[in-house]
Amino acid sequence: MKVSPLAKRMIITIVGIAALFVVASFVYYRSLAFLPFLLGTLLGTGVSIWKVFVLERAVDRALGMDKKKAGNYVSLQQLFRLFVTGVVLFTGAVVPQVSLWGVAAGIIAFQLALYLEQLIYRRK
């Protein structure tokens, strides 16, 4: 699958933000007690990266459709992404070996990367 330069930058930014969260967690705990946060962050980051791929594919497909069909397709894709995010957050809340805060940090990395990309794009 071919990935656009924007998607590549988003993925790199998501991984960087997640790494900052993990380092902060390690500094805070200073022991192996940070492992649930690490697992949660890895899970949330994985979902964020997956969302970048799915969003790019949805946009590419929607550009080839008529307006009404594209609107319905993009709306269904958004609901699907939200559902998967909810499932992962639920997993972080229920499974004791996975930190809900870590999952949330990994998922929030997507939004932070998006805002950083917009901020950097505006300056150019």
N, C-alpha and C. Protein backbone atom coordinates (compact mmCIF):
# COMPACT_ATOMS: atom_id res chain seq x y z
N MET A 1 0.84 -1.18 0.00
CA MET A 1 0.00 0.00 0.00
C MET A 1 0.89 1.24 0.00
N LYS A 2 0.58 2.14 -0.90
CA LYS A 2 1.34 3.37 -1.00
C LYS A 2 0.84 4.36 0.04
N VAL A 3 1.76 4.96 0.75
CA VAL A 3 1.41 5.90 1.81
C VAL A 3 1.86 7.30 1.39
N SER A 4 0.98 8.27 1.58
CA SER A 4 1.28 9.64 1.20
C SER A 4 2.30 10.25 2.16
N PRO A 5 2.97 11.30 1.74
CA PRO A 5 3.92 11.98 2.64
C PRO A 5 3.23 12.52 3.91
N LEU A 6 2.01 12.98 3.77
CA LEU A 6 1.26 13.47 4.93
C LEU A 6 1.04 12.34 5.94
N ALA A 7 0.65 11.16 5.46
CA ALA A 7 0.43 10.03 6.35
C ALA A 7 1.73 9.60 7.02
N LYS A 8 2.83 9.64 6.28
CA LYS A 8 4.13 9.29 6.86
C LYS A 8 4.50 10.26 7.98
N ARG A 9 4.29 11.56 7.73
CA ARG A 9 4.58 12.55 8.77
C ARG A 9 3.68 12.36 9.98
N MET A 10 2.42 12.05 9.74
CA MET A 10 1.48 11.82 10.84
C MET A 10 1.93 10.62 11.69
N ILE A 11 2.32 9.54 11.03
CA ILE A 11 2.74 8.34 11.76
C ILE A 11 4.00 8.62 12.57
N ILE A 12 4.94 9.32 11.99
CA ILE A 12 6.17 9.65 12.72
C ILE A 12 5.85 10.54 13.92
N THR A 13 4.95 11.49 13.74
CA THR A 13 4.58 12.37 14.84
C THR A 13 3.84 11.60 15.93
N ILE A 14 2.95 10.70 15.54
CA ILE A 14 2.22 9.89 16.52
C ILE A 14 3.19 9.06 17.35
N VAL A 15 4.13 8.42 16.69
CA VAL A 15 5.12 7.60 17.40
C VAL A 15 5.97 8.47 18.32
N GLY A 16 6.35 9.65 17.87
CA GLY A 16 7.15 10.56 18.70
C GLY A 16 6.39 11.02 19.94
N ILE A 17 5.13 11.37 19.77
CA ILE A 17 4.32 11.81 20.91
C ILE A 17 4.12 10.66 21.89
N ALA A 18 3.86 9.47 21.37
CA ALA A 18 3.69 8.31 22.24
C ALA A 18 4.99 8.00 22.99
N ALA A 19 6.11 8.15 22.31
CA ALA A 19 7.40 7.93 22.98
C ALA A 19 7.61 8.93 24.11
N LEU A 20 7.21 10.18 23.90
CA LEU A 20 7.31 11.17 24.97
C LEU A 20 6.45 10.77 26.17
N PHE A 21 5.24 10.29 25.90
CA PHE A 21 4.38 9.83 26.99
C PHE A 21 5.01 8.67 27.76
N VAL A 22 5.60 7.73 27.03
CA VAL A 22 6.22 6.57 27.67
C VAL A 22 7.43 6.99 28.50
N VAL A 23 8.25 7.89 27.97
CA VAL A 23 9.41 8.37 28.73
C VAL A 23 8.95 9.10 29.99
N ALA A 24 7.92 9.92 29.87
CA ALA A 24 7.39 10.61 31.05
C ALA A 24 6.87 9.62 32.07
N SER A 25 6.22 8.56 31.62
CA SER A 25 5.72 7.53 32.53
C SER A 25 6.87 6.81 33.22
N PHE A 26 7.92 6.50 32.45
CA PHE A 26 9.07 5.83 33.04
C PHE A 26 9.74 6.71 34.09
N VAL A 27 9.87 7.98 33.81
CA VAL A 27 10.46 8.91 34.77
C VAL A 27 9.57 9.02 36.01
N TYR A 28 8.26 9.00 35.84
CA TYR A 28 7.34 9.12 36.96
C TYR A 28 7.40 7.88 37.85
N TYR A 29 7.34 6.69 37.25
CA TYR A 29 7.31 5.46 38.05
C TYR A 29 8.69 5.00 38.50
N ARG A 30 9.71 5.19 37.67
CA ARG A 30 11.09 4.77 37.94
C ARG A 30 11.21 3.30 38.33
N SER A 31 10.33 2.47 37.80
CA SER A 31 10.38 1.03 38.05
C SER A 31 9.60 0.33 36.94
N LEU A 32 9.45 -0.97 37.07
CA LEU A 32 8.69 -1.71 36.08
C LEU A 32 7.18 -1.51 36.21
N ALA A 33 6.77 -0.69 37.14
CA ALA A 33 5.35 -0.38 37.30
C ALA A 33 4.81 0.43 36.13
N PHE A 34 5.71 0.92 35.26
CA PHE A 34 5.26 1.67 34.10
C PHE A 34 4.84 0.74 32.96
N LEU A 35 5.04 -0.57 33.07
CA LEU A 35 4.72 -1.50 31.99
C LEU A 35 3.25 -1.49 31.57
N PRO A 36 2.28 -1.44 32.50
CA PRO A 36 0.89 -1.32 32.03
C PRO A 36 0.65 -0.06 31.20
N PHE A 37 1.28 1.04 31.58
CA PHE A 37 1.17 2.27 30.79
C PHE A 37 1.79 2.07 29.42
N LEU A 38 2.94 1.40 29.38
CA LEU A 38 3.61 1.12 28.10
C LEU A 38 2.72 0.28 27.20
N LEU A 39 2.13 -0.78 27.75
CA LEU A 39 1.24 -1.63 26.95
C LEU A 39 0.03 -0.85 26.46
N GLY A 40 -0.54 -0.04 27.32
CA GLY A 40 -1.68 0.78 26.91
C GLY A 40 -1.30 1.77 25.83
N THR A 41 -0.14 2.38 25.97
CA THR A 41 0.32 3.34 24.96
C THR A 41 0.58 2.65 23.63
N LEU A 42 1.17 1.47 23.67
CA LEU A 42 1.40 0.72 22.44
C LEU A 42 0.07 0.37 21.76
N LEU A 43 -0.91 -0.03 22.55
CA LEU A 43 -2.22 -0.37 22.00
C LEU A 43 -2.89 0.87 21.40
N GLY A 44 -2.89 1.96 22.14
CA GLY A 44 -3.48 3.20 21.64
C GLY A 44 -2.76 3.76 20.43
N THR A 45 -1.44 3.66 20.43
CA THR A 45 -0.65 4.15 19.30
C THR A 45 -0.91 3.29 18.06
N GLY A 46 -1.04 1.99 18.26
CA GLY A 46 -1.36 1.11 17.15
C GLY A 46 -2.69 1.48 16.51
N VAL A 47 -3.67 1.78 17.35
CA VAL A 47 -4.97 2.19 16.83
C VAL A 47 -4.86 3.54 16.11
N SER A 48 -4.08 4.45 16.65
CA SER A 48 -3.91 5.75 15.99
C SER A 48 -3.26 5.61 14.63
N ILE A 49 -2.26 4.77 14.53
CA ILE A 49 -1.60 4.55 13.24
C ILE A 49 -2.57 3.87 12.27
N TRP A 50 -3.33 2.91 12.77
CA TRP A 50 -4.34 2.25 11.94
C TRP A 50 -5.36 3.28 11.44
N LYS A 51 -5.75 4.22 12.29
CA LYS A 51 -6.71 5.24 11.88
C LYS A 51 -6.15 6.13 10.77
N VAL A 52 -4.86 6.37 10.77
CA VAL A 52 -4.24 7.16 9.68
C VAL A 52 -4.40 6.41 8.36
N PHE A 53 -4.11 5.11 8.35
CA PHE A 53 -4.24 4.33 7.13
C PHE A 53 -5.69 4.26 6.65
N VAL A 54 -6.61 4.01 7.58
CA VAL A 54 -8.02 3.89 7.21
C VAL A 54 -8.57 5.23 6.72
N LEU A 55 -8.17 6.31 7.37
CA LEU A 55 -8.64 7.62 6.94
C LEU A 55 -8.12 7.97 5.55
N GLU A 56 -6.87 7.66 5.30
CA GLU A 56 -6.31 7.94 3.97
C GLU A 56 -7.03 7.13 2.90
N ARG A 57 -7.28 5.86 3.19
CA ARG A 57 -7.99 5.02 2.23
C ARG A 57 -9.41 5.51 2.00
N ALA A 58 -10.09 5.95 3.06
CA ALA A 58 -11.45 6.45 2.93
C ALA A 58 -11.49 7.72 2.07
N VAL A 59 -10.55 8.60 2.28
CA VAL A 59 -10.51 9.83 1.48
C VAL A 59 -10.23 9.51 0.02
N ASP A 60 -9.29 8.61 -0.24
CA ASP A 60 -8.97 8.23 -1.62
C ASP A 60 -10.20 7.63 -2.31
N ARG A 61 -10.91 6.76 -1.61
CA ARG A 61 -12.10 6.15 -2.21
C ARG A 61 -13.22 7.16 -2.39
N ALA A 62 -13.39 8.04 -1.42
CA ALA A 62 -14.48 9.01 -1.49
C ALA A 62 -14.29 9.99 -2.64
N LEU A 63 -13.05 10.28 -2.99
CA LEU A 63 -12.79 11.22 -4.09
C LEU A 63 -13.28 10.67 -5.42
N GLY A 64 -13.40 9.36 -5.54
CA GLY A 64 -13.86 8.76 -6.78
C GLY A 64 -15.36 8.52 -6.83
N MET A 65 -16.09 8.92 -5.79
CA MET A 65 -17.53 8.68 -5.72
C MET A 65 -18.30 9.98 -5.97
N ASP A 66 -19.60 9.82 -6.22
CA ASP A 66 -20.43 11.01 -6.30
C ASP A 66 -20.66 11.56 -4.90
N LYS A 67 -21.20 12.77 -4.81
CA LYS A 67 -21.24 13.51 -3.55
C LYS A 67 -22.02 12.79 -2.45
N LYS A 68 -23.22 12.32 -2.76
CA LYS A 68 -24.05 11.69 -1.74
C LYS A 68 -23.45 10.36 -1.26
N LYS A 69 -23.01 9.55 -2.20
CA LYS A 69 -22.41 8.26 -1.84
C LYS A 69 -21.12 8.47 -1.04
N ALA A 70 -20.35 9.46 -1.43
CA ALA A 70 -19.10 9.75 -0.71
C ALA A 70 -19.39 10.20 0.71
N GLY A 71 -20.42 11.04 0.88
CA GLY A 71 -20.78 11.50 2.23
C GLY A 71 -21.19 10.35 3.13
N ASN A 72 -22.00 9.43 2.59
CA ASN A 72 -22.42 8.26 3.37
C ASN A 72 -21.23 7.37 3.70
N TYR A 73 -20.35 7.18 2.73
CA TYR A 73 -19.18 6.32 2.94
C TYR A 73 -18.26 6.89 4.02
N VAL A 74 -17.99 8.17 3.94
CA VAL A 74 -17.11 8.81 4.92
C VAL A 74 -17.74 8.78 6.31
N SER A 75 -19.06 8.98 6.38
CA SER A 75 -19.75 8.93 7.68
C SER A 75 -19.66 7.54 8.30
N LEU A 76 -19.87 6.51 7.49
CA LEU A 76 -19.77 5.13 8.00
C LEU A 76 -18.34 4.81 8.43
N GLN A 77 -17.37 5.29 7.69
CA GLN A 77 -15.98 5.07 8.06
C GLN A 77 -15.66 5.75 9.40
N GLN A 78 -16.19 6.96 9.60
CA GLN A 78 -15.97 7.67 10.86
C GLN A 78 -16.59 6.90 12.02
N LEU A 79 -17.80 6.39 11.84
CA LEU A 79 -18.44 5.60 12.89
C LEU A 79 -17.63 4.34 13.19
N PHE A 80 -17.10 3.71 12.16
CA PHE A 80 -16.27 2.52 12.35
C PHE A 80 -15.00 2.85 13.15
N ARG A 81 -14.35 3.96 12.80
CA ARG A 81 -13.14 4.36 13.53
C ARG A 81 -13.47 4.68 15.00
N LEU A 82 -14.60 5.35 15.23
CA LEU A 82 -15.01 5.64 16.60
C LEU A 82 -15.33 4.37 17.38
N PHE A 83 -15.97 3.41 16.72
CA PHE A 83 -16.28 2.14 17.37
C PHE A 83 -15.01 1.41 17.78
N VAL A 84 -14.04 1.33 16.88
CA VAL A 84 -12.78 0.65 17.20
C VAL A 84 -12.06 1.38 18.34
N THR A 85 -12.09 2.70 18.32
CA THR A 85 -11.48 3.47 19.41
C THR A 85 -12.17 3.16 20.73
N GLY A 86 -13.49 3.07 20.71
CA GLY A 86 -14.24 2.73 21.92
C GLY A 86 -13.91 1.34 22.44
N VAL A 87 -13.76 0.38 21.52
CA VAL A 87 -13.41 -0.98 21.92
C VAL A 87 -12.04 -1.00 22.58
N VAL A 88 -11.11 -0.27 22.02
CA VAL A 88 -9.75 -0.25 22.59
C VAL A 88 -9.76 0.45 23.95
N LEU A 89 -10.51 1.54 24.08
CA LEU A 89 -10.62 2.20 25.38
C LEU A 89 -11.29 1.29 26.41
N PHE A 90 -12.30 0.55 25.99
CA PHE A 90 -12.95 -0.40 26.89
C PHE A 90 -11.97 -1.49 27.32
N THR A 91 -11.16 -1.96 26.38
CA THR A 91 -10.14 -2.96 26.70
C THR A 91 -9.17 -2.41 27.75
N GLY A 92 -8.76 -1.17 27.58
CA GLY A 92 -7.86 -0.56 28.55
C GLY A 92 -8.50 -0.41 29.91
N ALA A 93 -9.81 -0.23 29.95
CA ALA A 93 -10.52 -0.08 31.23
C ALA A 93 -10.74 -1.42 31.91
N VAL A 94 -10.90 -2.49 31.15
CA VAL A 94 -11.26 -3.79 31.72
C VAL A 94 -10.05 -4.66 32.03
N VAL A 95 -9.06 -4.66 31.16
CA VAL A 95 -7.89 -5.53 31.34
C VAL A 95 -6.93 -4.87 32.33
N PRO A 96 -6.64 -5.55 33.44
CA PRO A 96 -5.78 -4.92 34.47
C PRO A 96 -4.32 -4.74 34.05
N GLN A 97 -3.85 -5.52 33.08
CA GLN A 97 -2.46 -5.40 32.65
C GLN A 97 -2.24 -4.25 31.69
N VAL A 98 -3.32 -3.58 31.28
CA VAL A 98 -3.24 -2.48 30.33
C VAL A 98 -3.79 -1.23 31.01
N SER A 99 -3.02 -0.17 30.98
CA SER A 99 -3.43 1.08 31.60
C SER A 99 -4.38 1.85 30.68
N LEU A 100 -5.51 2.24 31.24
CA LEU A 100 -6.46 3.06 30.49
C LEU A 100 -5.82 4.39 30.11
N TRP A 101 -5.02 4.95 31.01
CA TRP A 101 -4.34 6.22 30.72
C TRP A 101 -3.36 6.06 29.57
N GLY A 102 -2.70 4.93 29.49
CA GLY A 102 -1.78 4.68 28.39
C GLY A 102 -2.51 4.57 27.06
N VAL A 103 -3.66 3.86 27.08
CA VAL A 103 -4.47 3.76 25.86
C VAL A 103 -4.93 5.15 25.43
N ALA A 104 -5.39 5.93 26.39
CA ALA A 104 -5.86 7.29 26.08
C ALA A 104 -4.71 8.14 25.52
N ALA A 105 -3.52 7.99 26.08
CA ALA A 105 -2.37 8.75 25.58
C ALA A 105 -2.05 8.37 24.13
N GLY A 106 -2.10 7.09 23.83
CA GLY A 106 -1.84 6.65 22.46
C GLY A 106 -2.90 7.13 21.48
N ILE A 107 -4.15 7.16 21.93
CA ILE A 107 -5.23 7.61 21.06
C ILE A 107 -5.18 9.12 20.88
N ILE A 108 -4.87 9.83 21.94
CA ILE A 108 -4.78 11.30 21.86
C ILE A 108 -3.61 11.73 20.97
N ALA A 109 -2.61 10.85 20.84
CA ALA A 109 -1.47 11.18 19.99
C ALA A 109 -1.92 11.45 18.56
N PHE A 110 -2.99 10.80 18.10
CA PHE A 110 -3.51 11.05 16.76
C PHE A 110 -3.98 12.50 16.63
N GLN A 111 -4.77 12.95 17.58
CA GLN A 111 -5.28 14.32 17.52
C GLN A 111 -4.14 15.34 17.66
N LEU A 112 -3.20 15.07 18.56
CA LEU A 112 -2.07 15.99 18.73
C LEU A 112 -1.23 16.06 17.45
N ALA A 113 -1.02 14.91 16.82
CA ALA A 113 -0.25 14.90 15.57
C ALA A 113 -0.99 15.67 14.49
N LEU A 114 -2.29 15.55 14.46
CA LEU A 114 -3.09 16.28 13.48
C LEU A 114 -2.97 17.79 13.70
N TYR A 115 -3.07 18.23 14.94
CA TYR A 115 -2.93 19.65 15.24
C TYR A 115 -1.53 20.16 14.93
N LEU A 116 -0.51 19.37 15.26
CA LEU A 116 0.86 19.78 14.95
C LEU A 116 1.07 19.87 13.44
N GLU A 117 0.50 18.94 12.70
CA GLU A 117 0.62 18.97 11.24
C GLU A 117 -0.04 20.21 10.68
N GLN A 118 -1.20 20.56 11.18
CA GLN A 118 -1.89 21.78 10.72
C GLN A 118 -1.09 23.02 11.08
N LEU A 119 -0.52 23.05 12.26
CA LEU A 119 0.28 24.19 12.71
C LEU A 119 1.53 24.35 11.83
N ILE A 120 2.20 23.27 11.55
CA ILE A 120 3.40 23.33 10.72
C ILE A 120 3.04 23.67 9.28
N TYR A 121 1.93 23.12 8.78
CA TYR A 121 1.53 23.38 7.40
C TYR A 121 1.15 24.86 7.20
N ARG A 122 0.55 25.47 8.18
CA ARG A 122 0.18 26.88 8.08
C ARG A 122 1.40 27.80 8.00
N ARG A 123 2.47 27.40 8.67
CA ARG A 123 3.67 28.25 8.69
C ARG A 123 4.40 28.23 7.36
N LYS A 124 4.24 27.20 6.58
CA LYS A 124 4.98 27.09 5.31
C LYS A 124 4.33 27.89 4.24
